[in-house]
């Protein structure tokens, strides 16, 4: 589903009205935008199925559902979460299994495969103290188990570029091709070019685009920065 990187994942942590307004403004930017991420906040407002239906009327971008740390319950609940998300027409589902263990992670990946949606696993998040209550090697263990299960899409923070490099190197040593999705640009300290040079394939961006005076032009400028960084990294 996700085309060749680099590209932007547009994060719409806004009202349904605002989301539709933004999608109209960036319509046609198929090269710059790989997918649209919709959050639990938006879905709690009017329901996931309604969100999908309304956004599909305006845009054909693939839709990623971010339950904001979903997939952290017992396996049976995780499987039911995936089933409900798939029935609503979502293309990919982001889950954060850090606090739930291997059984929940396995249930999530297997359920996504069963219902034919793409699984995206969170390795680490943007807050400086993320993982304070977890073992230090938790993200590495999550990556290892996920690779065993066949996962190829992962979330790693743009504001921690050294960590992106670590995850990329681990995958390469195991001869596995992965895609890394990175939030944390702008207010959280991440830089577009540095994230791409460190190994990010897709930059997850919300406020910088939907709060911009000209969201379309802002999207184009960010994408240009990503391309420049990719060329620089390969030279």
Foldseek 3Di string as FASTA:
>chain_A
DFDFFDAAAEEALDELVLVLVLLQLQPPPVVHHQAYEYEPNRCVVPHLLVSVVSVVVRHPHAYEYEDPAPLQDALVVLLVVLVVNLVSPHQEYEHENLNRDDRSVLSNLVSCVVSVHAYEYELFDLDPCTQVVHDPCSSVVSLVSCVVSPHAHYEDEQQCLVVLLVSVVVCVVVVHHHAYEYEQPDPSRGDLLSNLLSPHGYYYDYCQQSVDPRNNVSSVVSSVSNVVSNVVSVD
